[in-house]
Amino acid sequence: MSNLLMAGKKVLVVGIANDKSIAYGVAKKLHEQGAELAITYLNDKAERFVR
Protein backbone atom coordinates (compact mmCIF):
# COMPACT_ATOMS: atom_id res chain seq x y z
CA MET A 1 0.00 0.00 0.00
CA SER A 2 1.30 3.43 -0.95
CA ASN A 3 1.96 6.18 1.59
CA LEU A 4 1.04 8.78 -1.03
CA LEU A 5 -2.42 9.84 0.08
CA MET A 6 -2.93 12.28 -2.78
CA ALA A 7 -1.51 10.11 -5.58
CA GLY A 8 -3.58 10.52 -8.73
CA LYS A 9 -5.35 13.64 -7.43
CA LYS A 10 -5.28 17.00 -9.23
CA VAL A 11 -5.23 20.09 -7.02
CA LEU A 12 -5.39 23.84 -7.67
CA VAL A 13 -3.37 25.99 -5.26
CA VAL A 14 -4.04 29.71 -5.59
CA GLY A 15 -1.97 32.69 -4.47
CA ILE A 16 1.57 31.65 -3.61
CA ALA A 17 3.38 34.83 -2.55
CA ASN A 18 6.62 33.48 -1.04
CA ASP A 19 8.05 30.52 0.85
CA LYS A 20 6.37 31.68 4.07
CA SER A 21 2.82 31.81 2.67
CA ILE A 22 0.21 29.27 3.69
CA ALA A 23 -0.40 28.42 0.03
CA TYR A 24 3.29 27.52 -0.37
CA GLY A 25 3.19 25.17 2.62
CA VAL A 26 0.00 23.52 1.41
CA ALA A 27 1.40 23.07 -2.10
CA LYS A 28 4.63 21.59 -0.74
CA LYS A 29 2.80 18.99 1.38
CA LEU A 30 0.37 18.10 -1.41
CA HIS A 31 3.28 17.59 -3.80
CA GLU A 32 5.08 15.40 -1.24
CA GLN A 33 1.91 13.26 -1.03
CA GLY A 34 1.84 12.72 -4.79
CA ALA A 35 -0.72 15.28 -5.96
CA GLU A 36 -0.50 16.84 -9.41
CA LEU A 37 -0.55 20.61 -8.89
CA ALA A 38 -1.83 23.60 -10.82
CA ILE A 39 -0.55 26.76 -9.16
CA THR A 40 -1.13 30.50 -9.42
CA TYR A 41 1.23 32.99 -7.88
CA LEU A 42 1.14 36.64 -6.89
CA ASN A 43 3.69 38.24 -9.24
CA ASP A 44 6.98 37.71 -11.05
CA LYS A 45 8.92 37.82 -7.77
CA ALA A 46 6.92 34.85 -6.48
CA GLU A 47 7.62 32.72 -9.55
CA ARG A 48 10.88 31.39 -8.09
CA PHE A 49 8.99 29.79 -5.20
CA VAL A 50 6.72 27.96 -7.63
CA ARG A 51 9.52 26.54 -9.76
PDB file of N, CA and C in Angstrom:
ATOM      1  N   MET A   1       0.831  -1.181   0.000  1.00  0.00           N
ATOM      2  CA  MET A   1       0.000   0.000   0.000  1.00  0.00           C
ATOM      3  C   MET A   1       0.878   1.248   0.000  1.00  0.00           C
ATOM      4  N   SER A   2       0.515   2.221  -0.800  1.00  0.00           N
ATOM      5  CA  SER A   2       1.302   3.432  -0.954  1.00  0.00           C
ATOM      6  C   SER A   2       1.047   4.412   0.187  1.00  0.00           C
ATOM      7  N   ASN A   3       2.090   5.134   0.582  1.00  0.00           N
ATOM      8  CA  ASN A   3       1.955   6.180   1.594  1.00  0.00           C
ATOM      9  C   ASN A   3       1.555   7.507   0.974  1.00  0.00           C
ATOM     10  N   LEU A   4       1.394   7.543  -0.346  1.00  0.00           N
ATOM     11  CA  LEU A   4       1.043   8.778  -1.025  1.00  0.00           C
ATOM     12  C   LEU A   4      -0.477   8.942  -1.042  1.00  0.00           C
ATOM     13  N   LEU A   5      -0.987   9.674  -0.083  1.00  0.00           N
ATOM     14  CA  LEU A   5      -2.423   9.837   0.084  1.00  0.00           C
ATOM     15  C   LEU A   5      -3.088  10.573  -1.075  1.00  0.00           C
ATOM     16  N   MET A   6      -2.353  11.460  -1.723  1.00  0.00           N
ATOM     17  CA  MET A   6      -2.928  12.280  -2.782  1.00  0.00           C
ATOM     18  C   MET A   6      -2.543  11.803  -4.183  1.00  0.00           C
ATOM     19  N   ALA A   7      -1.937  10.633  -4.284  1.00  0.00           N
ATOM     20  CA  ALA A   7      -1.512  10.109  -5.582  1.00  0.00           C
ATOM     21  C   ALA A   7      -2.704  10.022  -6.528  1.00  0.00           C
ATOM     22  N   GLY A   8      -2.519  10.551  -7.739  1.00  0.00           N
ATOM     23  CA  GLY A   8      -3.577  10.518  -8.732  1.00  0.00           C
ATOM     24  C   GLY A   8      -4.580  11.663  -8.622  1.00  0.00           C
ATOM     25  N   LYS A   9      -4.440  12.507  -7.618  1.00  0.00           N
ATOM     26  CA  LYS A   9      -5.354  13.641  -7.434  1.00  0.00           C
ATOM     27  C   LYS A   9      -4.781  14.883  -8.120  1.00  0.00           C
ATOM     28  N   LYS A  10      -5.669  15.727  -8.618  1.00  0.00           N
ATOM     29  CA  LYS A  10      -5.276  16.996  -9.229  1.00  0.00           C
ATOM     30  C   LYS A  10      -5.792  18.110  -8.333  1.00  0.00           C
ATOM     31  N   VAL A  11      -4.904  19.060  -7.999  1.00  0.00           N
ATOM     32  CA  VAL A  11      -5.231  20.093  -7.020  1.00  0.00           C
ATOM     33  C   VAL A  11      -4.833  21.467  -7.563  1.00  0.00           C
ATOM     34  N   LEU A  12      -5.690  22.463  -7.340  1.00  0.00           N
ATOM     35  CA  LEU A  12      -5.390  23.842  -7.675  1.00  0.00           C
ATOM     36  C   LEU A  12      -5.012  24.576  -6.398  1.00  0.00           C
ATOM     37  N   VAL A  13      -3.819  25.174  -6.394  1.00  0.00           N
ATOM     38  CA  VAL A  13      -3.368  25.992  -5.264  1.00  0.00           C
ATOM     39  C   VAL A  13      -3.256  27.423  -5.778  1.00  0.00           C
ATOM     40  N   VAL A  14      -3.943  28.330  -5.108  1.00  0.00           N
ATOM     41  CA  VAL A  14      -4.038  29.710  -5.585  1.00  0.00           C
ATOM     42  C   VAL A  14      -3.308  30.658  -4.645  1.00  0.00           C
ATOM     43  N   GLY A  15      -2.503  31.554  -5.216  1.00  0.00           N
ATOM     44  CA  GLY A  15      -1.972  32.685  -4.466  1.00  0.00           C
ATOM     45  C   GLY A  15      -0.677  32.492  -3.718  1.00  0.00           C
ATOM     46  N   ILE A  16       0.274  31.753  -4.275  1.00  0.00           N
ATOM     47  CA  ILE A  16       1.570  31.653  -3.609  1.00  0.00           C
ATOM     48  C   ILE A  16       2.278  32.992  -3.718  1.00  0.00           C
ATOM     49  N   ALA A  17       2.695  33.537  -2.575  1.00  0.00           N
ATOM     50  CA  ALA A  17       3.380  34.831  -2.553  1.00  0.00           C
ATOM     51  C   ALA A  17       4.871  34.665  -2.280  1.00  0.00           C
ATOM     52  N   ASN A  18       5.221  33.745  -1.376  1.00  0.00           N
ATOM     53  CA  ASN A  18       6.622  33.477  -1.043  1.00  0.00           C
ATOM     54  C   ASN A  18       6.693  32.156  -0.280  1.00  0.00           C
ATOM     55  N   ASP A  19       7.895  31.806   0.176  1.00  0.00           N
ATOM     56  CA  ASP A  19       8.054  30.516   0.852  1.00  0.00           C
ATOM     57  C   ASP A  19       7.514  30.506   2.285  1.00  0.00           C
ATOM     58  N   LYS A  20       6.973  31.621   2.738  1.00  0.00           N
ATOM     59  CA  LYS A  20       6.369  31.685   4.073  1.00  0.00           C
ATOM     60  C   LYS A  20       4.837  31.731   4.007  1.00  0.00           C
ATOM     61  N   SER A  21       4.284  31.729   2.809  1.00  0.00           N
ATOM     62  CA  SER A  21       2.824  31.810   2.673  1.00  0.00           C
ATOM     63  C   SER A  21       2.178  30.452   2.958  1.00  0.00           C
ATOM     64  N   ILE A  22       0.958  30.496   3.407  1.00  0.00           N
ATOM     65  CA  ILE A  22       0.209  29.273   3.688  1.00  0.00           C
ATOM     66  C   ILE A  22       0.042  28.457   2.421  1.00  0.00           C
ATOM     67  N   ALA A  23      -0.225  29.126   1.306  1.00  0.00           N
ATOM     68  CA  ALA A  23      -0.401  28.424   0.030  1.00  0.00           C
ATOM     69  C   ALA A  23       0.857  27.647  -0.355  1.00  0.00           C
ATOM     70  N   TYR A  24       2.028  28.206  -0.079  1.00  0.00           N
ATOM     71  CA  TYR A  24       3.286  27.521  -0.368  1.00  0.00           C
ATOM     72  C   TYR A  24       3.400  26.245   0.462  1.00  0.00           C
ATOM     73  N   GLY A  25       3.110  26.332   1.745  1.00  0.00           N
ATOM     74  CA  GLY A  25       3.186  25.166   2.624  1.00  0.00           C
ATOM     75  C   GLY A  25       2.209  24.078   2.220  1.00  0.00           C
ATOM     76  N   VAL A  26       1.010  24.482   1.848  1.00  0.00           N
ATOM     77  CA  VAL A  26       0.000  23.519   1.405  1.00  0.00           C
ATOM     78  C   VAL A  26       0.460  22.836   0.122  1.00  0.00           C
ATOM     79  N   ALA A  27       0.939  23.629  -0.826  1.00  0.00           N
ATOM     80  CA  ALA A  27       1.403  23.071  -2.102  1.00  0.00           C
ATOM     81  C   ALA A  27       2.563  22.099  -1.889  1.00  0.00           C
ATOM     82  N   LYS A  28       3.469  22.448  -1.021  1.00  0.00           N
ATOM     83  CA  LYS A  28       4.625  21.588  -0.739  1.00  0.00           C
ATOM     84  C   LYS A  28       4.176  20.232  -0.187  1.00  0.00           C
ATOM     85  N   LYS A  29       3.275  20.251   0.781  1.00  0.00           N
ATOM     86  CA  LYS A  29       2.798  18.994   1.382  1.00  0.00           C
ATOM     87  C   LYS A  29       1.982  18.168   0.388  1.00  0.00           C
ATOM     88  N   LEU A  30       1.144  18.820  -0.403  1.00  0.00           N
ATOM     89  CA  LEU A  30       0.368  18.095  -1.408  1.00  0.00           C
ATOM     90  C   LEU A  30       1.285  17.426  -2.423  1.00  0.00           C
ATOM     91  N   HIS A  31       2.319  18.142  -2.846  1.00  0.00           N
ATOM     92  CA  HIS A  31       3.280  17.585  -3.796  1.00  0.00           C
ATOM     93  C   HIS A  31       4.006  16.378  -3.190  1.00  0.00           C
ATOM     94  N   GLU A  32       4.402  16.501  -1.939  1.00  0.00           N
ATOM     95  CA  GLU A  32       5.075  15.396  -1.241  1.00  0.00           C
ATOM     96  C   GLU A  32       4.181  14.160  -1.170  1.00  0.00           C
ATOM     97  N   GLN A  33       2.865  14.372  -1.113  1.00  0.00           N
ATOM     98  CA  GLN A  33       1.912  13.260  -1.029  1.00  0.00           C
ATOM     99  C   GLN A  33       1.482  12.740  -2.397  1.00  0.00           C
ATOM    100  N   GLY A  34       2.080  13.278  -3.467  1.00  0.00           N
ATOM    101  CA  GLY A  34       1.840  12.724  -4.790  1.00  0.00           C
ATOM    102  C   GLY A  34       0.803  13.424  -5.637  1.00  0.00           C
ATOM    103  N   ALA A  35       0.293  14.560  -5.193  1.00  0.00           N
ATOM    104  CA  ALA A  35      -0.724  15.280  -5.964  1.00  0.00           C
ATOM    105  C   ALA A  35      -0.102  15.956  -7.175  1.00  0.00           C
ATOM    106  N   GLU A  36      -0.888  16.063  -8.237  1.00  0.00           N
ATOM    107  CA  GLU A  36      -0.499  16.838  -9.412  1.00  0.00           C
ATOM    108  C   GLU A  36      -1.050  18.241  -9.197  1.00  0.00           C
ATOM    109  N   LEU A  37      -0.167  19.259  -9.269  1.00  0.00           N
ATOM    110  CA  LEU A  37      -0.552  20.606  -8.890  1.00  0.00           C
ATOM    111  C   LEU A  37      -0.701  21.546 -10.075  1.00  0.00           C
ATOM    112  N   ALA A  38      -1.699  22.412  -9.981  1.00  0.00           N
ATOM    113  CA  ALA A  38      -1.829  23.598 -10.821  1.00  0.00           C
ATOM    114  C   ALA A  38      -1.736  24.762  -9.847  1.00  0.00           C
ATOM    115  N   ILE A  39      -0.849  25.715 -10.139  1.00  0.00           N
ATOM    116  CA  ILE A  39      -0.554  26.758  -9.163  1.00  0.00           C
ATOM    117  C   ILE A  39      -0.647  28.139  -9.800  1.00  0.00           C
ATOM    118  N   THR A  40      -1.214  29.097  -9.051  1.00  0.00           N
ATOM    119  CA  THR A  40      -1.131  30.502  -9.424  1.00  0.00           C
ATOM    120  C   THR A  40      -0.262  31.189  -8.379  1.00  0.00           C
ATOM    121  N   TYR A  41       0.372  32.276  -8.804  1.00  0.00           N
ATOM    122  CA  TYR A  41       1.231  32.991  -7.877  1.00  0.00           C
ATOM    123  C   TYR A  41       1.021  34.486  -8.018  1.00  0.00           C
ATOM    124  N   LEU A  42       1.445  35.225  -7.035  1.00  0.00           N
ATOM    125  CA  LEU A  42       1.137  36.637  -6.888  1.00  0.00           C
ATOM    126  C   LEU A  42       1.719  37.509  -7.996  1.00  0.00           C
ATOM    127  N   ASN A  43       3.020  37.390  -8.248  1.00  0.00           N
ATOM    128  CA  ASN A  43       3.685  38.240  -9.235  1.00  0.00           C
ATOM    129  C   ASN A  43       4.981  37.574  -9.704  1.00  0.00           C
ATOM    130  N   ASP A  44       5.747  38.287 -10.514  1.00  0.00           N
ATOM    131  CA  ASP A  44       6.979  37.709 -11.048  1.00  0.00           C
ATOM    132  C   ASP A  44       7.998  37.377  -9.960  1.00  0.00           C
ATOM    133  N   LYS A  45       8.004  38.122  -8.877  1.00  0.00           N
ATOM    134  CA  LYS A  45       8.921  37.823  -7.766  1.00  0.00           C
ATOM    135  C   LYS A  45       8.604  36.478  -7.123  1.00  0.00           C
ATOM    136  N   ALA A  46       7.340  36.099  -7.111  1.00  0.00           N
ATOM    137  CA  ALA A  46       6.917  34.854  -6.480  1.00  0.00           C
ATOM    138  C   ALA A  46       7.163  33.637  -7.357  1.00  0.00           C
ATOM    139  N   GLU A  47       7.442  33.840  -8.621  1.00  0.00           N
ATOM    140  CA  GLU A  47       7.617  32.716  -9.548  1.00  0.00           C
ATOM    141  C   GLU A  47       8.721  31.753  -9.096  1.00  0.00           C
ATOM    142  N   ARG A  48       9.768  32.267  -8.514  1.00  0.00           N
ATOM    143  CA  ARG A  48      10.882  31.389  -8.091  1.00  0.00           C
ATOM    144  C   ARG A  48      10.459  30.389  -7.018  1.00  0.00           C
ATOM    145  N   PHE A  49       9.460  30.720  -6.216  1.00  0.00           N
ATOM    146  CA  PHE A  49       8.991  29.788  -5.196  1.00  0.00           C
ATOM    147  C   PHE A  49       8.138  28.668  -5.812  1.00  0.00           C
ATOM    148  N   VAL A  50       7.551  28.945  -6.943  1.00  0.00           N
ATOM    149  CA  VAL A  50       6.720  27.958  -7.627  1.00  0.00           C
ATOM    150  C   VAL A  50       7.586  26.955  -8.367  1.00  0.00           C
ATOM    151  N   ARG A  51       8.632  27.411  -8.979  1.00  0.00           N
ATOM    152  CA  ARG A  51       9.518  26.536  -9.756  1.00  0.00           C
ATOM    153  C   ARG A  51      10.208  25.586  -8.830  1.00  0.00           C
TER     154      ARG A  51
END
